[in-house]
Amino acid sequence: MNLSFAIAKRIAFNQQPSFSRFIIRLSIAATALSVAAMIVTMAFVNGFQQTVSNKIFSFWGHIRVQHLQLDKSLIAEETPILKNDTVFQMLQHNPGIKHVQSFATKSAVIEKNGNIEGILFKGVDQLFDKQQLTPFLQQGSFIAFQDSGYSKQIIVSEPMSKSLKINVGDTVNIYFIESNTGAPSAKRKLLVKGIYKTGIEEYDKLFAIGDIQLIQRLNNWSPQQIGGYEIFIHQTAQLDSINSQLYQQLPTEWASRTMKEIMPNIFDWLNIQNVNKNIIFIVMAFVAIINLITCLLILVLERTKMIGILKSFGATNHSIQQIFIYYATFIAVTGIFIGCAIGLGFYFLQLSTHFITLDEASYYIPFAPVSITLWQVVTICIATGLVCILSLILPTLFIRKISIVASIAFK
């Protein structure tokens, strides 16, 4: 066995009461707190970003394809495009794309018992992926499409239903607005089939979902005219690369935009969480390093006489340095192990109980979501360990300045 390691092990597991024992426990606690804080922070940031992003992607897809209009909002009534079989086949055969569906929107007013709300009626067809909306359905079910004609059913949001006192099974009046004049152009009675809630105020206060064939009829479009395509992809990490591919492959008068481009305010807000995460990581790592360096300096001072005796027996400065580096490593590893256990325990507690709640109106979700992977936990533990061990080299250099005579006489 390595002599330096053996001495360090004997010192580390010495249970005799001393001031250094308190300092060691304090350093272990500080390291554990730092690791636990980093794991919990990573879990909260991951969970928050993934949950909010998935809500947006589930409602609108990852990428939207529609007619290119530089001076018009991307979430508004669309200039129609013709369904293109060549383009549709190209989209479906792209390995990164999971699903493609058509959509169109039209401004309208929903009325029930004399109360009204302005809405955007989002029309979808039979290719609509119902599984994307299912997690948000609070009551009822998805609309049923007709073999001929349009479906006379609609799905409204929970804020709309509360504001207008609408229940599933009620009939509501929809007054569609002419985009050019702003005047009502048509009235339809539709059956409320379901009530949804995403928790994202921008969606819930604005959108109702119905049959795209109704919009086609009101706008005098042909069955081949749609507002655009919603595209769902397999890996969000490939969002920008797939969008770049589509931009090159689509007809020149069409445009593809990621939801990050369409709703930059939300995604910029989510990206700010990475800044907060990095700040916490730096602060926690700094706390762990300072505590370990302070602890090691105290240990060296306490063992000054031992250092002198070892030097008198011919021990080199390097071998004595190794003793204290091993000693401090025991402390760091113990703190990392305890911190990992605390962090994962907190993660599983929040995952199962959701005891930390949030204001859904401000954060889009009713509780703090958590998500973390094994490799992230391992990376935090290994990185913390390496940074701590490297930082411990500096205080051990003090050992080289200790003389044999002065250290043996040290009290």
Protein backbone atom coordinates (compact mmCIF):
# COMPACT_ATOMS: atom_id res chain seq x y z
CA MET A 1 0.00 0.00 0.00
CA ASN A 2 1.19 3.54 -0.78
CA LEU A 3 2.70 4.98 2.44
CA SER A 4 1.20 8.44 1.92
CA PHE A 5 -2.22 6.89 1.35
CA ALA A 6 -1.89 4.70 4.46
CA ILE A 7 -0.98 7.66 6.68
CA ALA A 8 -3.77 9.78 5.20
CA LYS A 9 -6.27 6.97 5.82
CA ARG A 10 -5.15 6.59 9.44
CA ILE A 11 -5.45 10.34 10.06
CA ALA A 12 -8.82 10.59 8.31
CA PHE A 13 -10.42 7.87 10.39
CA ASN A 14 -8.90 9.00 13.67
CA GLN A 15 -11.85 9.62 16.00
CA GLN A 16 -9.95 11.53 18.69
CA PRO A 17 -11.70 14.84 19.49
CA SER A 18 -9.96 17.92 18.12
CA PHE A 19 -10.71 21.28 16.58
CA SER A 20 -9.90 19.87 13.15
CA ARG A 21 -12.72 17.33 13.48
CA PHE A 22 -15.22 20.19 13.58
CA ILE A 23 -13.57 21.86 10.57
CA ILE A 24 -13.67 18.56 8.66
CA ARG A 25 -17.39 18.11 9.36
CA LEU A 26 -18.00 21.71 8.28
CA SER A 27 -16.10 21.16 5.03
CA ILE A 28 -18.01 17.93 4.33
CA ALA A 29 -21.29 19.75 4.96
CA ALA A 30 -20.29 22.64 2.67
CA THR A 31 -19.27 20.27 -0.13
CA ALA A 32 -22.46 18.25 0.30
CA LEU A 33 -24.55 21.43 0.20
CA SER A 34 -22.80 22.59 -2.96
CA VAL A 35 -23.29 19.29 -4.81
CA ALA A 36 -26.91 19.00 -3.67
CA ALA A 37 -27.63 22.59 -4.76
CA MET A 38 -26.11 21.95 -8.20
CA ILE A 39 -28.12 18.74 -8.71
CA VAL A 40 -31.37 20.38 -7.58
CA THR A 41 -30.70 23.45 -9.74
CA MET A 42 -29.99 21.29 -12.79
CA ALA A 43 -33.18 19.29 -12.17
CA PHE A 44 -35.36 22.41 -11.83
CA VAL A 45 -33.88 24.20 -14.87
CA ASN A 46 -34.16 21.08 -17.04
CA GLY A 47 -37.71 20.39 -15.89
CA PHE A 48 -38.86 23.97 -16.32
CA GLN A 49 -37.36 24.39 -19.80
CA GLN A 50 -38.60 21.02 -21.05
CA THR A 51 -42.14 21.37 -19.66
CA VAL A 52 -42.78 24.88 -20.97
CA SER A 53 -41.13 24.12 -24.33
CA ASN A 54 -43.15 20.93 -24.75
CA LYS A 55 -46.38 22.83 -24.09
CA ILE A 56 -45.56 25.26 -26.89
CA PHE A 57 -44.39 22.54 -29.28
CA SER A 58 -47.41 20.34 -28.54
CA PHE A 59 -49.83 23.14 -29.46
CA TRP A 60 -48.09 24.54 -32.55
CA GLY A 61 -45.46 21.98 -33.53
CA HIS A 62 -41.73 22.64 -33.66
CA ILE A 63 -41.72 24.31 -37.09
CA ARG A 64 -44.43 26.17 -39.00
CA VAL A 65 -44.52 26.39 -42.78
CA GLN A 66 -46.73 29.02 -44.40
CA HIS A 67 -46.81 31.72 -47.07
CA LEU A 68 -43.93 34.19 -46.78
CA GLN A 69 -45.21 37.55 -45.51
CA LEU A 70 -42.51 39.75 -44.07
CA ASP A 71 -44.85 42.47 -42.78
CA LYS A 72 -47.34 40.19 -41.03
CA SER A 73 -47.41 38.49 -37.64
CA LEU A 74 -46.73 34.77 -37.82
CA ILE A 75 -49.60 34.03 -35.43
CA ALA A 76 -52.51 35.57 -37.32
CA GLU A 77 -54.71 34.80 -40.29
CA GLU A 78 -52.60 33.28 -43.04
CA THR A 79 -52.42 33.86 -46.77
CA PRO A 80 -53.37 30.43 -48.15
CA ILE A 81 -50.92 28.04 -49.75
CA LEU A 82 -51.80 25.12 -51.99
CA LYS A 83 -51.20 21.63 -50.68
CA ASN A 84 -48.19 20.36 -52.57
CA ASP A 85 -47.85 16.58 -52.76
CA THR A 86 -44.17 16.85 -53.61
CA VAL A 87 -43.47 19.05 -50.60
CA PHE A 88 -45.66 16.91 -48.33
CA GLN A 89 -43.81 13.74 -49.36
CA MET A 90 -40.49 15.49 -48.83
CA LEU A 91 -41.53 16.49 -45.32
CA GLN A 92 -42.82 13.02 -44.45
CA HIS A 93 -39.66 11.30 -45.66
CA ASN A 94 -37.30 13.59 -43.76
CA PRO A 95 -35.79 11.30 -41.06
CA GLY A 96 -35.81 14.08 -38.50
CA ILE A 97 -39.53 14.84 -38.91
CA LYS A 98 -42.07 12.86 -36.90
CA HIS A 99 -45.41 14.27 -38.04
CA VAL A 100 -46.86 16.86 -40.44
CA GLN A 101 -50.37 18.35 -40.21
CA SER A 102 -52.32 21.17 -41.88
CA PHE A 103 -53.83 24.17 -40.12
CA ALA A 104 -55.44 27.55 -40.73
CA THR A 105 -56.68 30.32 -38.44
CA LYS A 106 -59.45 32.92 -38.66
CA SER A 107 -60.46 35.78 -36.39
CA ALA A 108 -63.83 35.38 -34.69
CA VAL A 109 -65.95 36.30 -31.72
CA ILE A 110 -67.44 33.63 -29.48
CA GLU A 111 -70.77 34.43 -27.80
CA LYS A 112 -72.78 32.70 -25.07
CA ASN A 113 -75.77 34.24 -23.28
CA GLY A 114 -74.87 37.72 -24.47
CA ASN A 115 -71.25 37.51 -23.28
CA ILE A 116 -68.55 37.68 -25.94
CA GLU A 117 -64.80 37.05 -26.29
CA GLY A 118 -62.49 37.66 -29.24
CA ILE A 119 -60.71 34.50 -30.42
CA LEU A 120 -58.61 32.99 -33.18
CA PHE A 121 -60.38 29.93 -34.55
CA LYS A 122 -57.70 27.36 -35.33
CA GLY A 123 -58.83 24.89 -37.95
CA VAL A 124 -57.27 21.42 -38.18
CA ASP A 125 -57.98 18.32 -40.25
CA GLN A 126 -58.05 14.56 -39.74
CA LEU A 127 -54.24 14.37 -39.80
CA PHE A 128 -54.11 16.37 -36.57
CA ASP A 129 -52.16 14.45 -33.91
CA LYS A 130 -54.72 14.22 -31.11
CA GLN A 131 -52.11 12.86 -28.72
CA GLN A 132 -50.44 16.26 -28.63
CA LEU A 133 -53.62 17.89 -27.28
CA THR A 134 -54.81 15.04 -25.04
CA PRO A 135 -52.65 16.05 -22.00
CA PHE A 136 -54.30 19.48 -22.05
CA LEU A 137 -57.93 18.36 -22.28
CA GLN A 138 -59.61 19.13 -18.99
CA GLN A 139 -63.09 17.96 -20.01
CA GLY A 140 -64.76 16.29 -22.98
CA SER A 141 -62.95 14.91 -26.02
CA PHE A 142 -61.55 15.90 -29.39
CA ILE A 143 -63.84 17.01 -32.22
CA ALA A 144 -65.26 14.35 -34.57
CA PHE A 145 -64.70 14.99 -38.28
CA GLN A 146 -67.45 14.39 -40.85
CA ASP A 147 -67.16 12.30 -43.99
CA SER A 148 -68.85 15.12 -45.87
CA GLY A 149 -69.03 18.76 -44.85
CA TYR A 150 -67.34 20.35 -41.85
CA SER A 151 -67.56 19.33 -38.21
CA LYS A 152 -69.91 21.50 -36.16
CA GLN A 153 -67.92 21.00 -32.99
CA ILE A 154 -65.38 23.17 -31.22
CA ILE A 155 -62.88 22.95 -28.37
CA VAL A 156 -62.53 26.04 -26.18
CA SER A 157 -60.04 26.89 -23.46
CA GLU A 158 -60.72 26.80 -19.73
CA PRO A 159 -60.40 30.62 -19.34
CA MET A 160 -62.99 31.05 -22.12
CA SER A 161 -65.31 28.51 -20.52
CA LYS A 162 -65.11 30.27 -17.15
CA SER A 163 -65.49 33.75 -18.59
CA LEU A 164 -68.50 32.83 -20.74
CA LYS A 165 -69.84 30.09 -18.41
CA ILE A 166 -69.52 27.42 -21.09
CA ASN A 167 -69.77 23.70 -20.35
CA VAL A 168 -69.12 20.67 -22.51
CA GLY A 169 -72.25 19.99 -24.53
CA ASP A 170 -73.29 23.65 -24.77
CA THR A 171 -73.90 25.35 -28.10
CA VAL A 172 -72.10 28.63 -28.75
CA ASN A 173 -72.37 31.25 -31.48
CA ILE A 174 -69.23 32.00 -33.47
CA TYR A 175 -69.15 35.25 -35.45
CA PHE A 176 -66.30 35.12 -37.96
CA ILE A 177 -64.62 38.41 -38.83
CA GLU A 178 -63.78 39.57 -42.33
CA SER A 179 -60.03 40.24 -42.36
CA ASN A 180 -60.27 43.17 -44.76
CA THR A 181 -63.11 45.12 -43.14
CA GLY A 182 -63.08 43.83 -39.56
CA ALA A 183 -66.85 43.28 -39.75
CA PRO A 184 -68.64 40.01 -38.93
CA SER A 185 -68.97 37.97 -42.14
CA ALA A 186 -70.70 34.80 -40.95
CA LYS A 187 -72.31 33.20 -37.93
CA ARG A 188 -72.13 29.53 -36.97
CA LYS A 189 -73.61 27.57 -34.07
CA LEU A 190 -71.06 25.05 -32.82
CA LEU A 191 -71.20 22.38 -30.11
CA VAL A 192 -68.57 22.56 -27.41
CA LYS A 193 -66.94 19.13 -27.53
CA GLY A 194 -64.08 19.73 -25.12
CA ILE A 195 -62.29 22.21 -22.87
CA TYR A 196 -58.50 22.47 -22.85
CA LYS A 197 -55.91 24.25 -20.74
CA THR A 198 -52.22 24.57 -21.58
CA GLY A 199 -51.44 27.03 -18.79
CA ILE A 200 -49.89 29.40 -21.36
CA GLU A 201 -52.00 32.53 -21.20
CA GLU A 202 -51.16 33.58 -24.77
CA TYR A 203 -52.85 30.41 -26.04
CA ASP A 204 -55.62 29.85 -23.56
CA LYS A 205 -57.14 33.33 -23.88
CA LEU A 206 -56.99 33.35 -27.66
CA PHE A 207 -57.39 30.01 -29.41
CA ALA A 208 -60.37 27.73 -30.01
CA ILE A 209 -59.98 24.59 -32.12
CA GLY A 210 -62.32 23.39 -34.86
CA ASP A 211 -62.48 22.00 -38.38
CA ILE A 212 -60.29 23.56 -41.08
CA GLN A 213 -63.04 22.87 -43.64
CA LEU A 214 -65.16 25.56 -41.98
CA ILE A 215 -62.40 28.12 -42.56
CA GLN A 216 -61.98 26.95 -46.16
CA ARG A 217 -65.70 27.43 -46.77
CA LEU A 218 -65.86 30.86 -45.12
CA ASN A 219 -62.76 32.11 -47.00
CA ASN A 220 -63.92 30.63 -50.29
CA TRP A 221 -60.82 28.46 -50.39
CA SER A 222 -60.61 25.21 -52.29
CA PRO A 223 -60.09 21.96 -50.32
CA GLN A 224 -56.43 22.13 -51.38
CA GLN A 225 -55.84 25.54 -49.79
CA ILE A 226 -54.57 25.66 -46.21
CA GLY A 227 -52.98 28.18 -43.89
CA GLY A 228 -49.79 26.15 -43.55
CA TYR A 229 -48.17 23.06 -42.08
CA GLU A 230 -47.25 22.28 -38.48
CA ILE A 231 -44.18 20.07 -38.27
CA PHE A 232 -43.20 17.93 -35.29
CA ILE A 233 -39.64 16.62 -35.09
CA HIS A 234 -38.02 13.77 -33.16
CA GLN A 235 -35.14 15.63 -31.51
CA THR A 236 -35.49 19.24 -30.38
CA ALA A 237 -31.71 19.58 -30.60
CA GLN A 238 -32.05 19.26 -34.40
CA LEU A 239 -34.62 22.06 -34.62
CA ASP A 240 -32.39 24.66 -36.27
CA SER A 241 -30.67 22.24 -38.65
CA ILE A 242 -33.98 20.77 -39.89
CA ASN A 243 -35.44 24.25 -40.30
CA SER A 244 -32.41 25.26 -42.39
CA GLN A 245 -32.91 22.22 -44.60
CA LEU A 246 -36.58 23.06 -45.12
CA TYR A 247 -35.79 26.69 -45.89
CA GLN A 248 -33.65 25.53 -48.81
CA GLN A 249 -36.11 22.88 -50.06
CA LEU A 250 -39.46 24.70 -49.85
CA PRO A 251 -40.94 26.81 -52.67
CA THR A 252 -39.56 30.34 -52.74
CA GLU A 253 -42.87 31.94 -51.69
CA TRP A 254 -43.09 29.69 -48.62
CA ALA A 255 -41.36 30.26 -45.31
CA SER A 256 -40.42 27.92 -42.47
CA ARG A 257 -40.03 29.28 -38.94
CA THR A 258 -39.21 27.55 -35.69
CA MET A 259 -41.40 28.24 -32.68
CA LYS A 260 -38.34 29.80 -31.07
CA GLU A 261 -38.45 32.46 -33.79
CA ILE A 262 -42.22 32.88 -33.58
CA MET A 263 -42.31 33.20 -29.78
CA PRO A 264 -38.86 34.60 -28.92
CA ASN A 265 -40.08 36.23 -25.69
CA ILE A 266 -40.86 32.89 -24.05
CA PHE A 267 -37.75 31.08 -25.30
CA ASP A 268 -35.45 33.96 -24.40
CA TRP A 269 -36.96 33.85 -20.91
CA LEU A 270 -36.29 30.10 -20.76
CA ASN A 271 -32.69 30.61 -21.89
CA ILE A 272 -32.15 33.07 -19.05
CA GLN A 273 -32.56 30.09 -16.71
CA ASN A 274 -29.25 28.78 -18.05
CA VAL A 275 -27.57 31.97 -16.86
CA ASN A 276 -29.07 31.53 -13.39
CA LYS A 277 -27.98 27.89 -13.38
CA ASN A 278 -24.39 28.79 -14.30
CA ILE A 279 -24.24 31.46 -11.60
CA ILE A 280 -25.41 28.98 -8.96
CA PHE A 281 -22.89 26.41 -10.19
CA ILE A 282 -20.03 28.92 -9.94
CA VAL A 283 -21.07 30.11 -6.48
CA MET A 284 -21.51 26.59 -5.11
CA ALA A 285 -18.20 25.40 -6.56
CA PHE A 286 -16.51 28.46 -5.06
CA VAL A 287 -18.03 27.70 -1.65
CA ALA A 288 -16.84 24.09 -1.78
CA ILE A 289 -13.31 25.06 -2.89
CA ILE A 290 -12.86 27.80 -0.27
CA ASN A 291 -14.05 25.49 2.49
CA LEU A 292 -11.75 22.67 1.42
CA ILE A 293 -8.74 24.97 1.09
CA THR A 294 -9.42 26.46 4.53
CA CYS A 295 -9.88 22.99 5.98
CA LEU A 296 -6.62 21.74 4.47
CA LEU A 297 -4.64 24.72 5.75
CA ILE A 298 -5.97 24.08 9.28
CA LEU A 299 -5.09 20.38 8.95
CA VAL A 300 -1.56 21.23 7.83
CA LEU A 301 -1.07 23.65 10.73
CA GLU A 302 -2.43 21.11 13.20
CA ARG A 303 -0.06 18.45 11.87
CA THR A 304 3.01 20.69 11.72
CA LYS A 305 4.90 18.56 14.25
CA MET A 306 4.06 15.40 12.31
CA ILE A 307 5.36 17.04 9.13
CA GLY A 308 8.66 17.87 10.86
CA ILE A 309 9.06 14.31 12.16
CA LEU A 310 8.35 12.84 8.71
CA LYS A 311 10.90 15.20 7.16
CA SER A 312 13.47 14.18 9.79
CA PHE A 313 12.98 10.56 8.75
CA GLY A 314 13.69 11.48 5.15
CA ALA A 315 10.19 11.97 3.77
CA THR A 316 10.12 14.25 0.73
CA ASN A 317 7.92 17.32 0.43
CA HIS A 318 6.07 15.59 -2.41
CA SER A 319 5.22 12.52 -0.33
CA ILE A 320 4.00 14.68 2.56
CA GLN A 321 1.93 16.76 0.14
CA GLN A 322 0.33 13.54 -1.07
CA ILE A 323 -0.73 12.69 2.49
CA PHE A 324 -2.79 15.85 2.80
CA ILE A 325 -4.13 15.68 -0.74
CA TYR A 326 -5.36 12.14 -0.02
CA TYR A 327 -6.75 13.37 3.30
CA ALA A 328 -8.63 16.23 1.67
CA THR A 329 -9.82 13.91 -1.10
CA PHE A 330 -11.47 11.69 1.52
CA ILE A 331 -13.30 14.77 2.77
CA ALA A 332 -14.32 15.90 -0.73
CA VAL A 333 -15.52 12.45 -1.82
CA THR A 334 -17.55 12.05 1.38
CA GLY A 335 -19.16 15.45 0.85
CA ILE A 336 -19.90 14.70 -2.82
CA PHE A 337 -21.48 11.35 -1.95
CA ILE A 338 -23.69 12.88 0.76
CA GLY A 339 -24.60 15.84 -1.48
CA CYS A 340 -25.53 13.51 -4.33
CA ALA A 341 -27.80 11.53 -2.01
CA ILE A 342 -29.48 14.70 -0.70
CA GLY A 343 -29.90 16.19 -4.20
CA LEU A 344 -31.40 13.02 -5.67
CA GLY A 345 -33.62 12.58 -2.62
CA PHE A 346 -34.98 16.10 -3.08
CA TYR A 347 -35.46 15.42 -6.81
CA PHE A 348 -37.50 12.26 -6.24
CA LEU A 349 -39.52 13.93 -3.49
CA GLN A 350 -40.54 16.81 -5.80
CA LEU A 351 -41.14 14.39 -8.68
CA SER A 352 -43.59 12.33 -6.64
CA THR A 353 -45.30 14.97 -4.48
CA HIS A 354 -44.97 18.31 -6.37
CA PHE A 355 -44.79 20.01 -2.99
CA ILE A 356 -43.14 23.11 -4.51
CA THR A 357 -45.91 24.98 -6.32
CA LEU A 358 -45.83 27.94 -8.72
CA ASP A 359 -48.18 30.67 -9.88
CA GLU A 360 -49.42 29.18 -13.16
CA ALA A 361 -50.39 32.58 -14.55
CA SER A 362 -46.76 33.73 -14.30
CA TYR A 363 -44.83 30.50 -14.91
CA TYR A 364 -47.25 28.55 -17.18
CA ILE A 365 -47.15 25.52 -14.85
CA PRO A 366 -48.81 24.88 -11.45
CA PHE A 367 -45.77 23.25 -9.81
CA ALA A 368 -41.99 23.22 -10.21
CA PRO A 369 -41.17 20.40 -12.66
CA VAL A 370 -37.92 18.47 -12.32
CA SER A 371 -35.91 16.46 -14.82
CA ILE A 372 -32.36 15.16 -14.69
CA THR A 373 -30.38 12.37 -16.31
CA LEU A 374 -27.78 10.02 -14.84
CA TRP A 375 -24.95 11.47 -16.92
CA GLN A 376 -25.70 14.96 -15.62
CA VAL A 377 -25.50 13.77 -12.01
CA VAL A 378 -22.26 11.90 -12.73
CA THR A 379 -20.81 14.94 -14.51
CA ILE A 380 -21.63 17.23 -11.57
CA CYS A 381 -20.01 14.83 -9.09
CA ILE A 382 -16.88 14.17 -11.16
CA ALA A 383 -16.41 17.83 -12.13
CA THR A 384 -16.81 18.95 -8.50
CA GLY A 385 -14.33 16.31 -7.37
CA LEU A 386 -11.73 17.27 -9.99
CA VAL A 387 -12.03 21.00 -9.32
CA CYS A 388 -11.75 20.45 -5.56
CA ILE A 389 -8.72 18.13 -5.87
CA LEU A 390 -6.90 20.52 -8.24
CA SER A 391 -7.57 23.43 -5.90
CA LEU A 392 -6.07 21.47 -2.99
CA ILE A 393 -2.60 21.50 -4.52
CA LEU A 394 -2.11 25.18 -3.66
CA PRO A 395 -2.38 24.97 0.16
CA THR A 396 -0.10 21.90 0.28
CA LEU A 397 2.72 24.05 -1.12
CA PHE A 398 2.87 25.54 2.38
CA ILE A 399 4.44 22.25 3.50
CA ARG A 400 7.63 23.03 1.55
CA LYS A 401 8.23 26.12 3.74
CA ILE A 402 8.05 24.18 7.03
CA SER A 403 11.53 23.54 8.50
CA ILE A 404 12.31 20.44 10.53
CA VAL A 405 13.57 22.28 13.63
CA ALA A 406 10.72 24.81 13.73
CA SER A 407 8.04 22.20 13.16
CA ILE A 408 9.25 19.81 15.87
CA ALA A 409 9.34 22.70 18.33
CA PHE A 410 5.86 23.87 17.19
CA LYS A 411 3.14 23.66 19.87
